[in-house]
PDB file of N, CA and C in Angstrom:
ATOM      1  N   MET A   1     -33.906 -36.116  -6.225  1.00  0.00           N
ATOM      2  CA  MET A   1     -35.127 -36.550  -5.613  1.00  0.00           C
ATOM      3  C   MET A   1     -34.788 -37.393  -4.396  1.00  0.00           C
ATOM      4  N   ALA A   2     -35.468 -37.131  -3.293  1.00  0.00           N
ATOM      5  CA  ALA A   2     -35.188 -37.847  -2.049  1.00  0.00           C
ATOM      6  C   ALA A   2     -35.859 -39.211  -2.069  1.00  0.00           C
ATOM      7  N   GLN A   3     -35.149 -40.217  -1.575  1.00  0.00           N
ATOM      8  CA  GLN A   3     -35.747 -41.536  -1.429  1.00  0.00           C
ATOM      9  C   GLN A   3     -36.539 -41.544  -0.147  1.00  0.00           C
ATOM     10  N   GLN A   4     -37.460 -42.497  -0.037  1.00  0.00           N
ATOM     11  CA  GLN A   4     -38.284 -42.548   1.161  1.00  0.00           C
ATOM     12  C   GLN A   4     -37.414 -42.727   2.391  1.00  0.00           C
ATOM     13  N   GLY A   5     -37.726 -41.963   3.423  1.00  0.00           N
ATOM     14  CA  GLY A   5     -37.020 -42.087   4.683  1.00  0.00           C
ATOM     15  C   GLY A   5     -35.732 -41.285   4.753  1.00  0.00           C
ATOM     16  N   GLN A   6     -35.316 -40.669   3.647  1.00  0.00           N
ATOM     17  CA  GLN A   6     -34.086 -39.871   3.653  1.00  0.00           C
ATOM     18  C   GLN A   6     -34.440 -38.406   3.402  1.00  0.00           C
ATOM     19  N   PRO A   7     -33.717 -37.498   4.084  1.00  0.00           N
ATOM     20  CA  PRO A   7     -33.999 -36.077   3.853  1.00  0.00           C
ATOM     21  C   PRO A   7     -33.596 -35.686   2.431  1.00  0.00           C
ATOM     22  N   PRO A   8     -34.245 -34.655   1.886  1.00  0.00           N
ATOM     23  CA  PRO A   8     -33.882 -34.228   0.524  1.00  0.00           C
ATOM     24  C   PRO A   8     -32.453 -33.693   0.483  1.00  0.00           C
ATOM     25  N   GLN A   9     -31.785 -33.941  -0.606  1.00  0.00           N
ATOM     26  CA  GLN A   9     -30.414 -33.458  -0.819  1.00  0.00           C
ATOM     27  C   GLN A   9     -30.485 -32.035  -1.382  1.00  0.00           C
ATOM     28  N   HIS A  10     -29.714 -31.130  -0.793  1.00  0.00           N
ATOM     29  CA  HIS A  10     -29.666 -29.755  -1.293  1.00  0.00           C
ATOM     30  C   HIS A  10     -28.416 -29.590  -2.126  1.00  0.00           C
ATOM     31  N   GLN A  11     -28.598 -28.983  -3.260  1.00  0.00           N
ATOM     32  CA  GLN A  11     -27.460 -28.714  -4.132  1.00  0.00           C
ATOM     33  C   GLN A  11     -26.736 -27.477  -3.610  1.00  0.00           C
ATOM     34  N   VAL A  12     -25.447 -27.579  -3.458  1.00  0.00           N
ATOM     35  CA  VAL A  12     -24.630 -26.454  -3.005  1.00  0.00           C
ATOM     36  C   VAL A  12     -24.033 -25.803  -4.244  1.00  0.00           C
ATOM     37  N   PRO A  13     -24.324 -24.509  -4.448  1.00  0.00           N
ATOM     38  CA  PRO A  13     -23.757 -23.856  -5.636  1.00  0.00           C
ATOM     39  C   PRO A  13     -22.234 -23.804  -5.529  1.00  0.00           C
ATOM     40  N   PRO A  14     -21.556 -23.922  -6.673  1.00  0.00           N
ATOM     41  CA  PRO A  14     -20.085 -23.857  -6.619  1.00  0.00           C
ATOM     42  C   PRO A  14     -19.629 -22.483  -6.151  1.00  0.00           C
ATOM     43  N   GLN A  15     -18.558 -22.475  -5.381  1.00  0.00           N
ATOM     44  CA  GLN A  15     -18.027 -21.205  -4.886  1.00  0.00           C
ATOM     45  C   GLN A  15     -17.336 -20.462  -6.015  1.00  0.00           C
ATOM     46  N   GLN A  16     -17.536 -19.162  -6.001  1.00  0.00           N
ATOM     47  CA  GLN A  16     -16.855 -18.318  -6.972  1.00  0.00           C
ATOM     48  C   GLN A  16     -15.409 -18.152  -6.533  1.00  0.00           C
ATOM     49  N   PRO A  17     -14.470 -18.164  -7.482  1.00  0.00           N
ATOM     50  CA  PRO A  17     -13.074 -17.957  -7.080  1.00  0.00           C
ATOM     51  C   PRO A  17     -12.896 -16.554  -6.505  1.00  0.00           C
ATOM     52  N   LEU A  18     -12.028 -16.448  -5.527  1.00  0.00           N
ATOM     53  CA  LEU A  18     -11.751 -15.152  -4.922  1.00  0.00           C
ATOM     54  C   LEU A  18     -11.000 -14.276  -5.903  1.00  0.00           C
ATOM     55  N   ALA A  19     -11.300 -13.006  -5.857  1.00  0.00           N
ATOM     56  CA  ALA A  19     -10.559 -12.063  -6.687  1.00  0.00           C
ATOM     57  C   ALA A  19      -9.126 -12.002  -6.185  1.00  0.00           C
ATOM     58  N   PRO A  20      -8.166 -11.891  -7.094  1.00  0.00           N
ATOM     59  CA  PRO A  20      -6.774 -11.829  -6.640  1.00  0.00           C
ATOM     60  C   PRO A  20      -6.527 -10.556  -5.847  1.00  0.00           C
ATOM     61  N   PRO A  21      -5.724 -10.651  -4.798  1.00  0.00           N
ATOM     62  CA  PRO A  21      -5.388  -9.436  -4.055  1.00  0.00           C
ATOM     63  C   PRO A  21      -4.538  -8.524  -4.928  1.00  0.00           C
ATOM     64  N   PHE A  22      -4.819  -7.254  -4.888  1.00  0.00           N
ATOM     65  CA  PHE A  22      -4.048  -6.333  -5.707  1.00  0.00           C
ATOM     66  C   PHE A  22      -3.943  -4.990  -5.028  1.00  0.00           C
ATOM     67  N   CYS A  23      -3.074  -4.183  -5.549  1.00  0.00           N
ATOM     68  CA  CYS A  23      -2.815  -2.857  -5.006  1.00  0.00           C
ATOM     69  C   CYS A  23      -3.191  -1.838  -6.065  1.00  0.00           C
ATOM     70  N   LEU A  24      -3.989  -0.862  -5.701  1.00  0.00           N
ATOM     71  CA  LEU A  24      -4.361   0.166  -6.657  1.00  0.00           C
ATOM     72  C   LEU A  24      -3.287   1.228  -6.819  1.00  0.00           C
ATOM     73  N   ALA A  25      -2.441   1.378  -5.807  1.00  0.00           N
ATOM     74  CA  ALA A  25      -1.383   2.388  -5.887  1.00  0.00           C
ATOM     75  C   ALA A  25      -0.320   1.920  -6.876  1.00  0.00           C
ATOM     76  N   LEU A  26       0.233   2.857  -7.575  1.00  0.00           N
ATOM     77  CA  LEU A  26       1.284   2.521  -8.524  1.00  0.00           C
ATOM     78  C   LEU A  26       2.599   2.333  -7.789  1.00  0.00           C
ATOM     79  N   ALA A  27       3.444   1.487  -8.325  1.00  0.00           N
ATOM     80  CA  ALA A  27       4.715   1.201  -7.663  1.00  0.00           C
ATOM     81  C   ALA A  27       5.850   1.230  -8.670  1.00  0.00           C
ATOM     82  N   TYR A  28       6.920   1.853  -8.301  1.00  0.00           N
ATOM     83  CA  TYR A  28       8.121   1.912  -9.133  1.00  0.00           C
ATOM     84  C   TYR A  28       7.805   2.301 -10.569  1.00  0.00           C
ATOM     85  N   ASN A  29       6.994   3.315 -10.716  1.00  0.00           N
ATOM     86  CA  ASN A  29       6.621   3.834 -12.024  1.00  0.00           C
ATOM     87  C   ASN A  29       5.994   2.776 -12.916  1.00  0.00           C
ATOM     88  N   ASN A  30       5.464   1.748 -12.315  1.00  0.00           N
ATOM     89  CA  ASN A  30       4.732   0.718 -13.031  1.00  0.00           C
ATOM     90  C   ASN A  30       3.312   1.250 -13.169  1.00  0.00           C
ATOM     91  N   ARG A  31       2.859   1.530 -14.347  1.00  0.00           N
ATOM     92  CA  ARG A  31       1.556   2.165 -14.547  1.00  0.00           C
ATOM     93  C   ARG A  31       0.385   1.197 -14.426  1.00  0.00           C
ATOM     94  N   ALA A  32       0.624   0.006 -13.938  1.00  0.00           N
ATOM     95  CA  ALA A  32      -0.454  -0.962 -13.742  1.00  0.00           C
ATOM     96  C   ALA A  32      -0.585  -1.270 -12.257  1.00  0.00           C
ATOM     97  N   SER A  33      -1.722  -1.785 -11.877  1.00  0.00           N
ATOM     98  CA  SER A  33      -1.920  -2.202 -10.490  1.00  0.00           C
ATOM     99  C   SER A  33      -1.086  -3.442 -10.215  1.00  0.00           C
ATOM    100  N   LEU A  34      -0.775  -3.649  -8.946  1.00  0.00           N
ATOM    101  CA  LEU A  34      -0.014  -4.836  -8.564  1.00  0.00           C
ATOM    102  C   LEU A  34      -0.964  -5.970  -8.225  1.00  0.00           C
ATOM    103  N   ASN A  35      -0.722  -7.122  -8.813  1.00  0.00           N
ATOM    104  CA  ASN A  35      -1.478  -8.328  -8.501  1.00  0.00           C
ATOM    105  C   ASN A  35      -0.572  -9.190  -7.638  1.00  0.00           C
ATOM    106  N   TYR A  36      -0.879  -9.310  -6.361  1.00  0.00           N
ATOM    107  CA  TYR A  36       0.011 -10.003  -5.432  1.00  0.00           C
ATOM    108  C   TYR A  36       0.109 -11.503  -5.682  1.00  0.00           C
ATOM    109  N   ASN A  37      -0.735 -12.039  -6.552  1.00  0.00           N
ATOM    110  CA  ASN A  37      -0.598 -13.451  -6.927  1.00  0.00           C
ATOM    111  C   ASN A  37       0.512 -13.652  -7.943  1.00  0.00           C
ATOM    112  N   GLU A  38       0.944 -12.581  -8.577  1.00  0.00           N
ATOM    113  CA  GLU A  38       2.040 -12.651  -9.542  1.00  0.00           C
ATOM    114  C   GLU A  38       3.359 -12.407  -8.810  1.00  0.00           C
ATOM    115  N   ARG A  39       4.310 -13.290  -9.015  1.00  0.00           N
ATOM    116  CA  ARG A  39       5.580 -13.210  -8.289  1.00  0.00           C
ATOM    117  C   ARG A  39       6.273 -11.861  -8.503  1.00  0.00           C
ATOM    118  N   ARG A  40       6.332 -11.407  -9.742  1.00  0.00           N
ATOM    119  CA  ARG A  40       7.028 -10.151 -10.044  1.00  0.00           C
ATOM    120  C   ARG A  40       6.382  -8.989  -9.291  1.00  0.00           C
ATOM    121  N   ASP A  41       5.044  -8.944  -9.275  1.00  0.00           N
ATOM    122  CA  ASP A  41       4.360  -7.866  -8.585  1.00  0.00           C
ATOM    123  C   ASP A  41       4.578  -7.942  -7.076  1.00  0.00           C
ATOM    124  N   ALA A  42       4.588  -9.142  -6.543  1.00  0.00           N
ATOM    125  CA  ALA A  42       4.856  -9.308  -5.105  1.00  0.00           C
ATOM    126  C   ALA A  42       6.267  -8.830  -4.783  1.00  0.00           C
ATOM    127  N   GLN A  43       7.224  -9.111  -5.667  1.00  0.00           N
ATOM    128  CA  GLN A  43       8.602  -8.658  -5.444  1.00  0.00           C
ATOM    129  C   GLN A  43       8.684  -7.135  -5.477  1.00  0.00           C
ATOM    130  N   VAL A  44       7.944  -6.510  -6.384  1.00  0.00           N
ATOM    131  CA  VAL A  44       7.920  -5.046  -6.444  1.00  0.00           C
ATOM    132  C   VAL A  44       7.393  -4.486  -5.133  1.00  0.00           C
ATOM    133  N   TYR A  45       6.322  -5.101  -4.623  1.00  0.00           N
ATOM    134  CA  TYR A  45       5.747  -4.661  -3.359  1.00  0.00           C
ATOM    135  C   TYR A  45       6.760  -4.781  -2.221  1.00  0.00           C
ATOM    136  N   TYR A  46       7.399  -5.953  -2.107  1.00  0.00           N
ATOM    137  CA  TYR A  46       8.351  -6.156  -1.010  1.00  0.00           C
ATOM    138  C   TYR A  46       9.572  -5.253  -1.153  1.00  0.00           C
ATOM    139  N   LYS A  47       9.979  -4.967  -2.379  1.00  0.00           N
ATOM    140  CA  LYS A  47      11.100  -4.038  -2.593  1.00  0.00           C
ATOM    141  C   LYS A  47      10.720  -2.654  -2.048  1.00  0.00           C
ATOM    142  N   GLY A  48       9.478  -2.262  -2.272  1.00  0.00           N
ATOM    143  CA  GLY A  48       9.016  -0.973  -1.767  1.00  0.00           C
ATOM    144  C   GLY A  48       8.919  -0.921  -0.252  1.00  0.00           C
ATOM    145  N   CYS A  49       8.792  -2.087   0.379  1.00  0.00           N
ATOM    146  CA  CYS A  49       8.647  -2.154   1.843  1.00  0.00           C
ATOM    147  C   CYS A  49       9.976  -2.329   2.569  1.00  0.00           C
ATOM    148  N   GLU A  50      11.066  -2.456   1.822  1.00  0.00           N
ATOM    149  CA  GLU A  50      12.357  -2.651   2.480  1.00  0.00           C
ATOM    150  C   GLU A  50      12.654  -1.499   3.434  1.00  0.00           C
ATOM    151  N   ALA A  51      13.222  -1.844   4.554  1.00  0.00           N
ATOM    152  CA  ALA A  51      13.542  -0.850   5.582  1.00  0.00           C
ATOM    153  C   ALA A  51      14.713   0.031   5.160  1.00  0.00           C
ATOM    154  N   HIS A  52      14.675   1.249   5.618  1.00  0.00           N
ATOM    155  CA  HIS A  52      15.775   2.195   5.472  1.00  0.00           C
ATOM    156  C   HIS A  52      16.204   2.574   6.884  1.00  0.00           C
ATOM    157  N   PRO A  53      17.038   1.764   7.506  1.00  0.00           N
ATOM    158  CA  PRO A  53      17.406   2.067   8.895  1.00  0.00           C
ATOM    159  C   PRO A  53      18.196   3.371   8.992  1.00  0.00           C
ATOM    160  N   TYR A  54      17.938   4.086  10.053  1.00  0.00           N
ATOM    161  CA  TYR A  54      18.647   5.343  10.312  1.00  0.00           C
ATOM    162  C   TYR A  54      19.521   5.141  11.540  1.00  0.00           C
ATOM    163  N   ASN A  55      20.804   5.443  11.393  1.00  0.00           N
ATOM    164  CA  ASN A  55      21.759   5.206  12.480  1.00  0.00           C
ATOM    165  C   ASN A  55      22.005   6.446  13.347  1.00  0.00           C
ATOM    166  N   GLY A  56      21.232   7.502  13.118  1.00  0.00           N
ATOM    167  CA  GLY A  56      21.398   8.706  13.922  1.00  0.00           C
ATOM    168  C   GLY A  56      22.404   9.686  13.355  1.00  0.00           C
ATOM    169  N   LYS A  57      23.036   9.330  12.251  1.00  0.00           N
ATOM    170  CA  LYS A  57      24.019  10.218  11.616  1.00  0.00           C
ATOM    171  C   LYS A  57      23.629  10.427  10.156  1.00  0.00           C
ATOM    172  N   GLY A  58      24.051  11.534   9.605  1.00  0.00           N
ATOM    173  CA  GLY A  58      23.825  11.792   8.185  1.00  0.00           C
ATOM    174  C   GLY A  58      22.357  11.948   7.816  1.00  0.00           C
ATOM    175  N   LEU A  59      21.642  12.781   8.556  1.00  0.00           N
ATOM    176  CA  LEU A  59      20.220  12.975   8.296  1.00  0.00           C
ATOM    177  C   LEU A  59      19.943  13.425   6.854  1.00  0.00           C
ATOM    178  N   PRO A  60      20.683  14.389   6.301  1.00  0.00           N
ATOM    179  CA  PRO A  60      20.385  14.799   4.917  1.00  0.00           C
ATOM    180  C   PRO A  60      20.500  13.637   3.914  1.00  0.00           C
ATOM    181  N   GLU A  61      21.500  12.786   4.090  1.00  0.00           N
ATOM    182  CA  GLU A  61      21.668  11.646   3.185  1.00  0.00           C
ATOM    183  C   GLU A  61      20.529  10.643   3.361  1.00  0.00           C
ATOM    184  N   PHE A  62      20.144  10.408   4.617  1.00  0.00           N
ATOM    185  CA  PHE A  62      19.039   9.499   4.904  1.00  0.00           C
ATOM    186  C   PHE A  62      17.755  10.009   4.256  1.00  0.00           C
ATOM    187  N   LEU A  63      17.439  11.291   4.447  1.00  0.00           N
ATOM    188  CA  LEU A  63      16.223  11.856   3.862  1.00  0.00           C
ATOM    189  C   LEU A  63      16.277  11.838   2.340  1.00  0.00           C
ATOM    190  N   ALA A  64      17.459  12.042   1.768  1.00  0.00           N
ATOM    191  CA  ALA A  64      17.598  11.976   0.310  1.00  0.00           C
ATOM    192  C   ALA A  64      17.311  10.563  -0.197  1.00  0.00           C
ATOM    193  N   SER A  65      17.761   9.538   0.537  1.00  0.00           N
ATOM    194  CA  SER A  65      17.490   8.165   0.102  1.00  0.00           C
ATOM    195  C   SER A  65      16.000   7.842   0.211  1.00  0.00           C
ATOM    196  N   ILE A  66      15.350   8.349   1.248  1.00  0.00           N
ATOM    197  CA  ILE A  66      13.906   8.153   1.386  1.00  0.00           C
ATOM    198  C   ILE A  66      13.180   8.893   0.258  1.00  0.00           C
ATOM    199  N   ALA A  67      13.618  10.094  -0.063  1.00  0.00           N
ATOM    200  CA  ALA A  67      12.988  10.866  -1.143  1.00  0.00           C
ATOM    201  C   ALA A  67      13.132  10.146  -2.480  1.00  0.00           C
ATOM    202  N   THR A  68      14.296   9.558  -2.730  1.00  0.00           N
ATOM    203  CA  THR A  68      14.493   8.800  -3.977  1.00  0.00           C
ATOM    204  C   THR A  68      13.522   7.634  -4.044  1.00  0.00           C
ATOM    205  N   LYS A  69      13.424   6.895  -2.959  1.00  0.00           N
ATOM    206  CA  LYS A  69      12.496   5.759  -2.921  1.00  0.00           C
ATOM    207  C   LYS A  69      11.052   6.240  -3.063  1.00  0.00           C
ATOM    208  N   ALA A  70      10.727   7.356  -2.447  1.00  0.00           N
ATOM    209  CA  ALA A  70       9.373   7.901  -2.533  1.00  0.00           C
ATOM    210  C   ALA A  70       9.030   8.283  -3.971  1.00  0.00           C
ATOM    211  N   ARG A  71       9.973   8.870  -4.684  1.00  0.00           N
ATOM    212  CA  ARG A  71       9.728   9.214  -6.091  1.00  0.00           C
ATOM    213  C   ARG A  71       9.560   7.946  -6.930  1.00  0.00           C
ATOM    214  N   GLN A  72      10.410   6.948  -6.710  1.00  0.00           N
ATOM    215  CA  GLN A  72      10.319   5.690  -7.461  1.00  0.00           C
ATOM    216  C   GLN A  72       8.991   4.994  -7.200  1.00  0.00           C
ATOM    217  N   SER A  73       8.536   5.044  -5.978  1.00  0.00           N
ATOM    218  CA  SER A  73       7.317   4.338  -5.582  1.00  0.00           C
ATOM    219  C   SER A  73       6.072   5.209  -5.673  1.00  0.00           C
ATOM    220  N   GLU A  74       6.242   6.435  -6.127  1.00  0.00           N
ATOM    221  CA  GLU A  74       5.152   7.390  -6.259  1.00  0.00           C
ATOM    222  C   GLU A  74       4.426   7.619  -4.935  1.00  0.00           C
ATOM    223  N   TRP A  75       5.226   7.877  -3.897  1.00  0.00           N
ATOM    224  CA  TRP A  75       4.703   8.148  -2.560  1.00  0.00           C
ATOM    225  C   TRP A  75       4.658   9.630  -2.230  1.00  0.00           C
ATOM    226  N   MET A  76       5.039  10.481  -3.155  1.00  0.00           N
ATOM    227  CA  MET A  76       5.148  11.901  -2.823  1.00  0.00           C
ATOM    228  C   MET A  76       3.816  12.487  -2.354  1.00  0.00           C
ATOM    229  N   GLU A  77       2.708  12.000  -2.891  1.00  0.00           N
ATOM    230  CA  GLU A  77       1.408  12.481  -2.430  1.00  0.00           C
ATOM    231  C   GLU A  77       1.213  12.159  -0.947  1.00  0.00           C
ATOM    232  N   ILE A  78       1.637  10.975  -0.537  1.00  0.00           N
ATOM    233  CA  ILE A  78       1.508  10.566   0.856  1.00  0.00           C
ATOM    234  C   ILE A  78       2.374  11.447   1.752  1.00  0.00           C
ATOM    235  N   LEU A  79       3.522  11.838   1.247  1.00  0.00           N
ATOM    236  CA  LEU A  79       4.472  12.631   2.036  1.00  0.00           C
ATOM    237  C   LEU A  79       4.189  14.127   1.980  1.00  0.00           C
ATOM    238  N   THR A  80       3.131  14.507   1.275  1.00  0.00           N
ATOM    239  CA  THR A  80       2.745  15.909   1.213  1.00  0.00           C
ATOM    240  C   THR A  80       1.656  16.149   2.259  1.00  0.00           C
ATOM    241  N   ILE A  81       1.985  16.957   3.242  1.00  0.00           N
ATOM    242  CA  ILE A  81       1.082  17.220   4.365  1.00  0.00           C
ATOM    243  C   ILE A  81       0.807  18.720   4.411  1.00  0.00           C
ATOM    244  N   ASP A  82      -0.457  19.049   4.309  1.00  0.00           N
ATOM    245  CA  ASP A  82      -0.872  20.463   4.269  1.00  0.00           C
ATOM    246  C   ASP A  82      -0.095  21.238   3.207  1.00  0.00           C
ATOM    247  N   GLY A  83       0.099  20.611   2.054  1.00  0.00           N
ATOM    248  CA  GLY A  83       0.764  21.266   0.931  1.00  0.00           C
ATOM    249  C   GLY A  83       2.279  21.342   1.032  1.00  0.00           C
ATOM    250  N   ARG A  84       2.854  20.705   2.051  1.00  0.00           N
ATOM    251  CA  ARG A  84       4.317  20.753   2.233  1.00  0.00           C
ATOM    252  C   ARG A  84       4.898  19.344   2.211  1.00  0.00           C
ATOM    253  N   ASN A  85       6.062  19.228   1.604  1.00  0.00           N
ATOM    254  CA  ASN A  85       6.770  17.949   1.562  1.00  0.00           C
ATOM    255  C   ASN A  85       7.343  17.665   2.949  1.00  0.00           C
ATOM    256  N   PHE A  86       6.911  16.570   3.540  1.00  0.00           N
ATOM    257  CA  PHE A  86       7.346  16.219   4.888  1.00  0.00           C
ATOM    258  C   PHE A  86       8.861  16.032   4.984  1.00  0.00           C
ATOM    259  N   LEU A  87       9.471  15.467   3.947  1.00  0.00           N
ATOM    260  CA  LEU A  87      10.917  15.226   3.992  1.00  0.00           C
ATOM    261  C   LEU A  87      11.721  16.524   3.976  1.00  0.00           C
ATOM    262  N   MET A  88      11.149  17.563   3.416  1.00  0.00           N
ATOM    263  CA  MET A  88      11.841  18.852   3.353  1.00  0.00           C
ATOM    264  C   MET A  88      11.446  19.774   4.514  1.00  0.00           C
ATOM    265  N   ASN A  89      10.252  19.554   5.065  1.00  0.00           N
ATOM    266  CA  ASN A  89       9.707  20.461   6.077  1.00  0.00           C
ATOM    267  C   ASN A  89       9.369  19.746   7.373  1.00  0.00           C
ATOM    268  N   TYR A  90      10.089  18.684   7.676  1.00  0.00           N
ATOM    269  CA  TYR A  90       9.760  17.863   8.853  1.00  0.00           C
ATOM    270  C   TYR A  90       9.790  18.653  10.159  1.00  0.00           C
ATOM    271  N   ALA A  91      10.594  19.686  10.243  1.00  0.00           N
ATOM    272  CA  ALA A  91      10.683  20.469  11.480  1.00  0.00           C
ATOM    273  C   ALA A  91       9.479  21.399  11.656  1.00  0.00           C
ATOM    274  N   ASP A  92       8.754  21.659  10.560  1.00  0.00           N
ATOM    275  CA  ASP A  92       7.635  22.593  10.603  1.00  0.00           C
ATOM    276  C   ASP A  92       6.273  21.907  10.651  1.00  0.00           C
ATOM    277  N   ILE A  93       6.247  20.598  10.486  1.00  0.00           N
ATOM    278  CA  ILE A  93       4.983  19.853  10.459  1.00  0.00           C
ATOM    279  C   ILE A  93       4.840  19.122  11.790  1.00  0.00           C
ATOM    280  N   THR A  94       3.713  19.323  12.444  1.00  0.00           N
ATOM    281  CA  THR A  94       3.519  18.731  13.771  1.00  0.00           C
ATOM    282  C   THR A  94       3.074  17.267  13.663  1.00  0.00           C
ATOM    283  N   ALA A  95       3.241  16.552  14.749  1.00  0.00           N
ATOM    284  CA  ALA A  95       2.787  15.155  14.814  1.00  0.00           C
ATOM    285  C   ALA A  95       1.272  15.094  14.622  1.00  0.00           C
ATOM    286  N   THR A  96       0.555  16.071  15.127  1.00  0.00           N
ATOM    287  CA  THR A  96      -0.901  16.116  14.954  1.00  0.00           C
ATOM    288  C   THR A  96      -1.262  16.240  13.479  1.00  0.00           C
ATOM    289  N   GLN A  97      -0.528  17.069  12.747  1.00  0.00           N
ATOM    290  CA  GLN A  97      -0.782  17.217  11.314  1.00  0.00           C
ATOM    291  C   GLN A  97      -0.492  15.912  10.565  1.00  0.00           C
ATOM    292  N   VAL A  98       0.561  15.217  10.962  1.00  0.00           N
ATOM    293  CA  VAL A  98       0.901  13.940  10.333  1.00  0.00           C
ATOM    294  C   VAL A  98      -0.208  12.926  10.600  1.00  0.00           C
ATOM    295  N   ARG A  99      -0.668  12.840  11.855  1.00  0.00           N
ATOM    296  CA  ARG A  99      -1.752  11.906  12.201  1.00  0.00           C
ATOM    297  C   ARG A  99      -3.023  12.220  11.417  1.00  0.00           C
ATOM    298  N   GLN A 100      -3.354  13.496  11.320  1.00  0.00           N
ATOM    299  CA  GLN A 100      -4.563  13.887  10.589  1.00  0.00           C
ATOM    300  C   GLN A 100      -4.436  13.534   9.110  1.00  0.00           C
ATOM    301  N   ALA A 101      -3.279  13.776   8.527  1.00  0.00           N
ATOM    302  CA  ALA A 101      -3.070  13.424   7.121  1.00  0.00           C
ATOM    303  C   ALA A 101      -3.198  11.917   6.910  1.00  0.00           C
ATOM    304  N   ALA A 102      -2.685  11.133   7.850  1.00  0.00           N
ATOM    305  CA  ALA A 102      -2.788   9.663   7.756  1.00  0.00           C
ATOM    306  C   ALA A 102      -4.250   9.238   7.860  1.00  0.00           C
ATOM    307  N   MET A 103      -4.996   9.835   8.776  1.00  0.00           N
ATOM    308  CA  MET A 103      -6.415   9.480   8.930  1.00  0.00           C
ATOM    309  C   MET A 103      -7.224   9.888   7.699  1.00  0.00           C
ATOM    310  N   ASP A 104      -6.840  10.982   7.057  1.00  0.00           N
ATOM    311  CA  ASP A 104      -7.512  11.406   5.825  1.00  0.00           C
ATOM    312  C   ASP A 104      -7.173  10.472   4.663  1.00  0.00           C
ATOM    313  N   TYR A 105      -5.951   9.968   4.649  1.00  0.00           N
ATOM    314  CA  TYR A 105      -5.484   9.126   3.539  1.00  0.00           C
ATOM    315  C   TYR A 105      -6.007   7.694   3.625  1.00  0.00           C
ATOM    316  N   GLN A 106      -6.062   7.145   4.832  1.00  0.00           N
ATOM    317  CA  GLN A 106      -6.426   5.739   5.023  1.00  0.00           C
ATOM    318  C   GLN A 106      -7.698   5.295   4.323  1.00  0.00           C
ATOM    319  N   PRO A 107      -8.797   6.022   4.438  1.00  0.00           N
ATOM    320  CA  PRO A 107     -10.045   5.512   3.842  1.00  0.00           C
ATOM    321  C   PRO A 107     -10.148   5.667   2.322  1.00  0.00           C
ATOM    322  N   GLN A 108      -9.184   6.298   1.683  1.00  0.00           N
ATOM    323  CA  GLN A 108      -9.265   6.500   0.241  1.00  0.00           C
ATOM    324  C   GLN A 108      -9.248   5.161  -0.485  1.00  0.00           C
ATOM    325  N   ASN A 109     -10.019   5.065  -1.551  1.00  0.00           N
ATOM    326  CA  ASN A 109     -10.119   3.815  -2.298  1.00  0.00           C
ATOM    327  C   ASN A 109      -9.071   3.680  -3.393  1.00  0.00           C
ATOM    328  N   ASP A 110      -8.217   4.648  -3.560  1.00  0.00           N
ATOM    329  CA  ASP A 110      -7.250   4.577  -4.660  1.00  0.00           C
ATOM    330  C   ASP A 110      -5.821   4.373  -4.165  1.00  0.00           C
ATOM    331  N   ARG A 111      -5.667   3.847  -2.996  1.00  0.00           N
ATOM    332  CA  ARG A 111      -4.319   3.665  -2.463  1.00  0.00           C
ATOM    333  C   ARG A 111      -3.849   2.246  -2.615  1.00  0.00           C
TER     334      ARG A 111
END
């Protein structure tokens, strides 16, 4: 109740806690979503993001290491473009097809 001469006090509702950030995509054959507030899940995410530098030599070995990581991280769907595995058919898939596949994949709610 406001006292004379003072404006009424408005009650501010308590803020709801933010939902934890998480990833819907599966990682490293972990059948659960990743909760980035959990240290272990954040480590799984960062492990999946580690770079695989290519030095210009040994292309088959480089692609094999990427394929292994893709299988572990369940990325094979992402690497399948127009029904073909990009790592196996990279010479036959155009940059336009890759861009279109990325644009089709981006808005999906299950990634």
